[in-house]
Protein backbone atom coordinates (compact mmCIF):
# COMPACT_ATOMS: atom_id res chain seq x y z
CA MET A 1 -32.96 -21.19 -0.58
CA ASP A 2 -31.23 -24.17 1.08
CA TYR A 3 -31.04 -24.16 4.83
CA ILE A 4 -27.58 -23.31 6.19
CA ASP A 5 -26.51 -24.37 9.66
CA TYR A 6 -24.70 -21.20 10.66
CA TYR A 7 -22.76 -22.88 13.45
CA LYS A 8 -21.49 -25.59 11.12
CA ALA A 9 -20.66 -22.98 8.49
CA LEU A 10 -18.27 -21.29 10.93
CA ASP A 11 -17.20 -24.58 12.53
CA VAL A 12 -18.19 -23.50 16.04
CA THR A 13 -20.50 -24.92 18.69
CA LYS A 14 -23.71 -23.33 19.92
CA SER A 15 -21.89 -22.35 23.12
CA ALA A 16 -19.31 -20.30 21.19
CA THR A 17 -18.63 -16.81 22.53
CA GLU A 18 -18.70 -13.66 20.42
CA ALA A 19 -14.89 -13.74 20.37
CA ASP A 20 -14.96 -17.37 19.19
CA ILE A 21 -17.34 -16.49 16.36
CA LYS A 22 -15.27 -13.49 15.31
CA LYS A 23 -12.08 -15.56 15.27
CA ALA A 24 -13.72 -18.40 13.35
CA TYR A 25 -15.19 -15.99 10.79
CA ARG A 26 -11.84 -14.34 10.11
CA LYS A 27 -10.14 -17.70 9.69
CA ALA A 28 -12.82 -19.00 7.31
CA ALA A 29 -13.01 -15.72 5.36
CA ARG A 30 -9.28 -15.83 4.68
CA LYS A 31 -9.49 -19.47 3.60
CA TYR A 32 -12.38 -19.05 1.15
CA HIS A 33 -11.83 -15.45 0.01
CA PRO A 34 -12.38 -15.13 -3.78
CA ASP A 35 -8.99 -13.48 -4.20
CA LEU A 36 -7.33 -16.67 -2.95
CA ASN A 37 -9.69 -18.97 -4.82
CA PRO A 38 -10.20 -17.48 -8.30
CA ASN A 39 -12.85 -19.19 -10.44
CA ASP A 40 -13.66 -21.62 -7.62
CA LYS A 41 -17.46 -21.76 -7.45
CA GLU A 42 -17.48 -23.98 -4.37
CA ALA A 43 -15.20 -21.57 -2.48
CA GLU A 44 -17.37 -18.65 -3.61
CA LYS A 45 -20.47 -20.44 -2.29
CA LYS A 46 -18.73 -21.22 1.00
CA PHE A 47 -17.59 -17.59 1.30
CA LYS A 48 -21.18 -16.40 0.94
CA GLU A 49 -22.34 -18.91 3.55
CA ILE A 50 -19.81 -17.84 6.17
CA ASN A 51 -20.63 -14.17 5.59
CA GLU A 52 -24.32 -14.96 6.07
CA ALA A 53 -23.53 -16.97 9.19
CA ASN A 54 -21.41 -14.20 10.64
CA GLU A 55 -24.10 -11.62 9.89
CA VAL A 56 -26.55 -13.54 12.07
CA LEU A 57 -24.39 -15.03 14.82
CA SER A 58 -22.35 -11.88 15.47
CA ASN A 59 -25.58 -10.02 16.27
CA PRO A 60 -26.77 -11.13 19.75
CA GLU A 61 -30.44 -10.42 19.03
CA ASN A 62 -30.43 -12.25 15.69
CA ARG A 63 -28.49 -15.13 17.19
CA LYS A 64 -31.09 -15.51 19.95
CA LYS A 65 -33.86 -15.69 17.35
CA TYR A 66 -31.90 -18.14 15.22
CA ASP A 67 -31.23 -20.43 18.18
CA LYS A 68 -34.95 -20.55 18.88
CA TYR A 69 -36.52 -20.59 15.41
CA GLY A 70 -33.80 -21.90 13.08
CA LYS A 71 -34.20 -20.99 9.42
CA ASP A 72 -37.40 -19.02 10.17
CA TRP A 73 -35.65 -16.72 12.65
CA LYS A 74 -36.55 -13.65 10.58
CA HIS A 75 -40.21 -14.27 11.46
CA ALA A 76 -39.56 -14.57 15.19
CA ASP A 77 -41.68 -11.51 15.99
CA GLU A 78 -44.68 -13.01 14.18
CA PHE A 79 -44.27 -16.32 16.02
CA GLU A 80 -44.02 -14.53 19.35
CA LYS A 81 -47.21 -12.58 18.68
CA ALA A 82 -48.98 -15.81 17.78
CA GLY A 83 -47.81 -17.42 21.02
CA TYR A 84 -45.88 -20.16 19.22
CA ASP A 85 -43.24 -21.88 21.39
CA PRO A 86 -41.07 -24.36 19.45
CA ASN A 87 -40.04 -26.19 22.61
CA GLN A 88 -43.64 -26.84 23.58
CA GLN A 89 -44.45 -27.95 20.03
CA GLN A 90 -41.55 -30.41 20.06
CA GLN A 91 -42.57 -31.82 23.45
CA GLN A 92 -46.16 -32.27 22.30
CA ARG A 93 -45.03 -33.98 19.08
CA THR A 94 -42.75 -36.32 21.04
CA ARG A 95 -45.57 -37.29 23.41
CA GLN A 96 -47.84 -38.03 20.47
CA GLN A 97 -45.23 -40.18 18.77
CA SER A 98 -44.42 -42.02 22.03
CA SER A 99 -48.08 -42.93 22.48
CA GLN A 100 -47.98 -44.51 18.99
CA GLY A 101 -45.12 -46.79 19.95
CA TYR A 102 -42.02 -44.86 18.75
CA THR A 103 -40.02 -41.79 19.67
CA ASP A 104 -38.39 -39.19 17.44
CA PHE A 105 -34.78 -38.78 18.51
CA SER A 106 -34.01 -36.00 16.07
CA GLY A 107 -33.20 -33.68 19.01
CA GLY A 108 -33.89 -30.00 19.29
CA ASP A 109 -32.99 -28.99 15.75
CA PHE A 110 -35.94 -26.94 14.58
CA SER A 111 -34.50 -26.19 11.17
CA GLY A 112 -37.04 -28.20 9.21
CA ASN A 113 -40.54 -27.26 8.08
CA ASP A 114 -42.11 -26.97 11.56
CA PHE A 115 -42.08 -23.19 11.76
CA SER A 116 -42.94 -22.69 8.12
CA ASP A 117 -45.94 -25.03 8.46
CA PHE A 118 -47.06 -23.22 11.58
CA PHE A 119 -46.65 -19.85 9.87
CA ASN A 120 -48.77 -21.00 6.93
CA SER A 121 -51.45 -22.46 9.20
CA MET A 122 -51.72 -19.17 11.05
CA TYR A 123 -51.75 -16.84 8.10
CA GLY A 124 -52.73 -18.98 5.09
CA ASP A 125 -52.02 -18.31 1.43
CA SER A 126 -51.95 -14.55 1.95
CA ALA A 127 -49.08 -15.00 4.36
CA ARG A 128 -47.17 -17.15 1.88
CA SER A 129 -47.72 -14.58 -0.80
CA SER A 130 -46.66 -11.81 1.55
CA ARG A 131 -43.50 -13.69 2.45
CA ASN A 132 -42.66 -14.27 -1.19
CA GLN A 133 -43.14 -10.59 -1.96
CA SER A 134 -41.48 -9.17 1.15
CA LYS A 135 -38.42 -7.07 0.51
CA TYR A 136 -35.36 -8.02 2.48
CA ARG A 137 -32.14 -6.09 2.81
CA GLY A 138 -29.06 -7.92 1.57
CA GLN A 139 -26.49 -9.16 4.05
CA ASP A 140 -23.52 -7.03 5.02
CA PHE A 141 -20.05 -8.15 3.97
CA ASN A 142 -16.87 -7.81 6.01
CA ALA A 143 -13.36 -7.61 4.59
CA GLU A 144 -9.86 -6.74 5.76
CA LEU A 145 -7.41 -4.54 3.87
CA ASP A 146 -3.67 -4.41 4.56
CA LEU A 147 -1.91 -1.06 4.10
CA ASP A 148 1.60 0.16 4.74
CA LEU A 149 1.87 3.22 7.00
CA ALA A 150 3.32 5.25 4.10
CA SER A 151 0.22 4.43 1.98
CA ALA A 152 -2.08 5.49 4.81
CA TYR A 153 -0.37 8.90 4.81
CA THR A 154 -2.02 9.99 1.56
CA THR A 155 -5.54 9.82 0.14
CA HIS A 156 -5.54 7.30 -2.69
CA LYS A 157 -7.74 4.93 -4.66
CA GLN A 158 -7.48 1.17 -4.58
CA ASN A 159 -9.17 -1.69 -6.39
CA LEU A 160 -10.69 -4.51 -4.33
CA THR A 161 -12.32 -7.80 -5.20
CA VAL A 162 -15.20 -8.52 -2.84
CA ASN A 163 -17.45 -11.54 -3.33
CA GLY A 164 -16.21 -11.89 -6.89
CA LYS A 165 -16.87 -8.27 -7.80
CA ASN A 166 -14.27 -5.58 -8.48
CA ILE A 167 -14.83 -2.24 -6.79
CA ARG A 168 -12.70 0.90 -6.62
CA ILE A 169 -12.67 2.76 -3.32
CA THR A 170 -11.07 5.97 -2.08
CA ILE A 171 -9.04 5.54 1.11
CA PRO A 172 -8.81 8.83 3.04
CA ALA A 173 -5.43 9.86 4.43
CA GLY A 174 -4.98 9.23 8.14
CA VAL A 175 -6.85 5.92 8.39
CA GLU A 176 -5.80 4.06 11.55
CA ASN A 177 -5.00 0.45 12.32
CA GLY A 178 -8.21 -1.42 13.18
CA GLN A 179 -10.43 1.34 11.82
CA VAL A 180 -13.59 0.22 10.04
CA ILE A 181 -15.20 2.13 7.19
CA LYS A 182 -18.52 1.41 5.52
CA ILE A 183 -19.03 1.25 1.75
CA PRO A 184 -22.83 1.54 1.32
CA GLY A 185 -24.56 -0.79 -1.10
CA HIS A 186 -21.60 -3.09 -1.78
CA GLY A 187 -22.78 -5.98 0.38
CA GLY A 188 -25.09 -8.82 -0.63
CA ALA A 189 -27.94 -8.27 -3.07
CA GLY A 190 -31.37 -7.49 -1.64
CA VAL A 191 -34.27 -9.93 -1.96
CA ASN A 192 -37.42 -9.06 -3.93
CA GLY A 193 -36.15 -5.59 -4.70
CA GLY A 194 -34.85 -4.90 -1.20
CA PRO A 195 -31.76 -2.72 -0.73
CA ASN A 196 -28.28 -4.16 -0.95
CA GLY A 197 -26.28 -4.71 2.21
CA ASP A 198 -23.15 -2.71 3.01
CA LEU A 199 -19.47 -3.55 2.91
CA TYR A 200 -17.43 -3.02 6.07
CA ILE A 201 -13.66 -2.82 5.61
CA THR A 202 -11.27 -3.22 8.55
CA PHE A 203 -7.82 -1.73 7.97
CA ARG A 204 -4.63 -3.45 9.10
CA ILE A 205 -1.77 -0.94 9.03
CA GLU A 206 1.74 -2.38 8.77
CA ASN A 207 4.59 -0.08 9.79
CA SER A 208 7.85 -0.61 7.92
CA SER A 209 9.08 2.96 8.54
CA ASP A 210 11.40 4.40 11.20
CA PHE A 211 8.49 6.23 12.79
CA LYS A 212 6.29 5.20 15.67
CA ARG A 213 2.70 6.35 15.31
CA GLU A 214 0.41 7.30 18.18
CA GLY A 215 -2.83 8.77 16.91
CA ASN A 216 -1.88 11.63 14.62
CA ASN A 217 1.58 12.14 16.13
CA LEU A 218 4.80 10.53 14.95
CA TYR A 219 7.93 9.74 16.96
CA ALA A 220 11.46 9.03 15.71
CA ASP A 221 15.06 8.83 16.91
CA VAL A 222 17.52 11.03 15.01
CA PRO A 223 21.29 10.38 15.23
CA LEU A 224 23.38 13.50 15.82
CA ASP A 225 27.14 13.65 15.26
CA LEU A 226 29.32 14.73 18.14
CA TYR A 227 30.60 17.90 16.53
CA THR A 228 27.15 19.26 15.67
CA ALA A 229 25.90 18.34 19.14
CA VAL A 230 28.78 20.25 20.78
CA LEU A 231 29.12 23.25 18.47
CA GLY A 232 25.57 23.49 17.14
CA GLY A 233 24.61 23.66 13.51
CA GLU A 234 22.05 22.04 11.23
CA THR A 235 20.78 18.52 10.51
CA TYR A 236 18.20 16.95 8.25
CA VAL A 237 15.22 14.89 9.40
CA ASN A 238 13.19 12.56 7.19
CA THR A 239 9.42 12.93 7.17
CA PHE A 240 6.69 11.35 5.03
CA ASP A 241 6.61 14.67 3.21
CA GLY A 242 10.35 14.82 2.44
CA LYS A 243 13.48 15.97 4.29
CA VAL A 244 13.29 18.88 6.73
CA LYS A 245 16.30 20.98 7.80
CA ILE A 246 16.33 21.92 11.47
CA LYS A 247 18.68 24.00 13.62
CA VAL A 248 20.63 22.29 16.38
CA GLN A 249 21.53 24.29 19.47
CA PRO A 250 25.12 24.14 20.79
CA GLU A 251 25.80 21.63 23.58
CA THR A 252 22.75 19.53 22.69
CA GLN A 253 22.59 16.45 24.92
CA THR A 254 21.68 12.94 23.81
CA GLY A 255 18.01 12.29 24.59
CA THR A 256 17.00 15.88 23.81
CA LYS A 257 13.48 16.00 22.34
CA VAL A 258 12.31 18.44 19.67
CA LYS A 259 8.78 18.93 18.33
CA LEU A 260 8.22 19.64 14.64
CA LYS A 261 4.74 21.09 14.51
CA GLY A 262 2.50 19.87 11.70
CA LYS A 263 4.98 17.24 10.50
CA GLY A 264 3.10 14.28 11.91
CA PHE A 265 0.29 12.21 10.39
CA PRO A 266 -2.72 13.73 8.60
CA VAL A 267 -5.92 13.96 10.63
CA TYR A 268 -8.56 11.61 9.17
CA LYS A 269 -10.98 13.45 6.86
CA LYS A 270 -9.75 16.89 8.00
CA GLU A 271 -8.01 18.58 5.11
CA ASN A 272 -4.66 20.25 5.79
CA GLN A 273 -4.65 19.23 9.47
CA PHE A 274 -1.71 17.21 10.76
CA GLY A 275 -0.32 15.93 14.01
CA ASP A 276 3.22 16.69 15.16
CA LEU A 277 6.55 14.91 14.77
CA TYR A 278 8.60 14.41 17.93
CA ILE A 279 12.26 13.60 17.44
CA THR A 280 14.76 12.42 20.03
CA TYR A 281 18.46 13.06 19.41
CA THR A 282 20.84 10.15 19.93
CA LEU A 283 24.53 11.01 20.06
CA LYS A 284 26.68 9.37 17.38
CA VAL A 285 30.24 8.97 18.68
CA PRO A 286 32.91 9.09 15.93
CA THR A 287 34.90 5.92 15.24
CA LYS A 288 38.17 5.10 13.48
CA LEU A 289 39.84 8.25 14.77
CA SER A 290 43.09 9.38 13.18
CA ASP A 291 46.16 10.00 15.32
CA LYS A 292 45.64 13.73 14.93
CA GLU A 293 41.99 13.46 16.08
CA LYS A 294 43.01 11.39 19.10
CA GLU A 295 45.66 13.97 19.97
CA LEU A 296 43.12 16.77 19.79
CA PHE A 297 40.61 14.86 21.94
CA GLU A 298 43.34 14.20 24.52
CA GLU A 299 44.18 17.89 24.54
CA LEU A 300 40.51 18.77 25.03
CA ALA A 301 40.29 16.27 27.89
CA LYS A 302 43.32 17.91 29.61
CA ILE A 303 41.79 21.34 29.22
CA ARG A 304 38.47 20.09 30.57
CA ASN A 305 40.11 18.38 33.57
CA HIS A 306 42.10 21.51 34.53
CA GLU A 307 39.06 23.80 34.56
């Protein structure tokens, strides 16, 4: 397998923070995603590389090993046990070359054969055979999925294309914005019979409805006409589950809040459990009054003022 410079793959420096790496990965993943580059082998290859880079650099422990041992970072524990220090090896090699009349200015990039040669010298052919036969788990993949709030209200199935493969997943009702779910076995293929990696999907919930969502509860403003607010009566409220008729008490003031129990958002993976819907009445003043209506309002005002 060709050596991949993970920092170059994500276009970040070695001093990049975790936030920098996360931002760079998302940007690159969107650019090279197979859905946006159908039948583009180069983009598919690049997409695999940035997923591999993110898998290593987003893990602080793996990143530390990679920074020290380069492409052989997976064998860091074996090097440590053998007392192998790449920095000391490089210094010794530089001193030897300097004494011969030249200096190697290749810098501290230990991504070549140094570690592999050392590994083979320590453990011989049996080690090489063991490495070739070792089973390695495939890399995990990360993807983002955009959903409308109305779609997140119900459990449904959806087809996705991940790394060039089509998969069909079930999205449980009640999934939240930013929530991550794991799809086992749908990551990268394992090596030498090792298990596949997993697929992690981050949901981005767009809200185009009149509701505001907070957890499992929903909030909405409901206009109420003047006559119903004064005399009482009935009004209809929209929910994701259809219209609901509610009773309005006489002399209801604008800003009055009412709770509709169980009419909120479904609780994630808890069947038949829902949050509540909180509505706030906003008074709707009539316009384009007729002469008769104005006369009646003036009469009401006189009565009110003489009380």
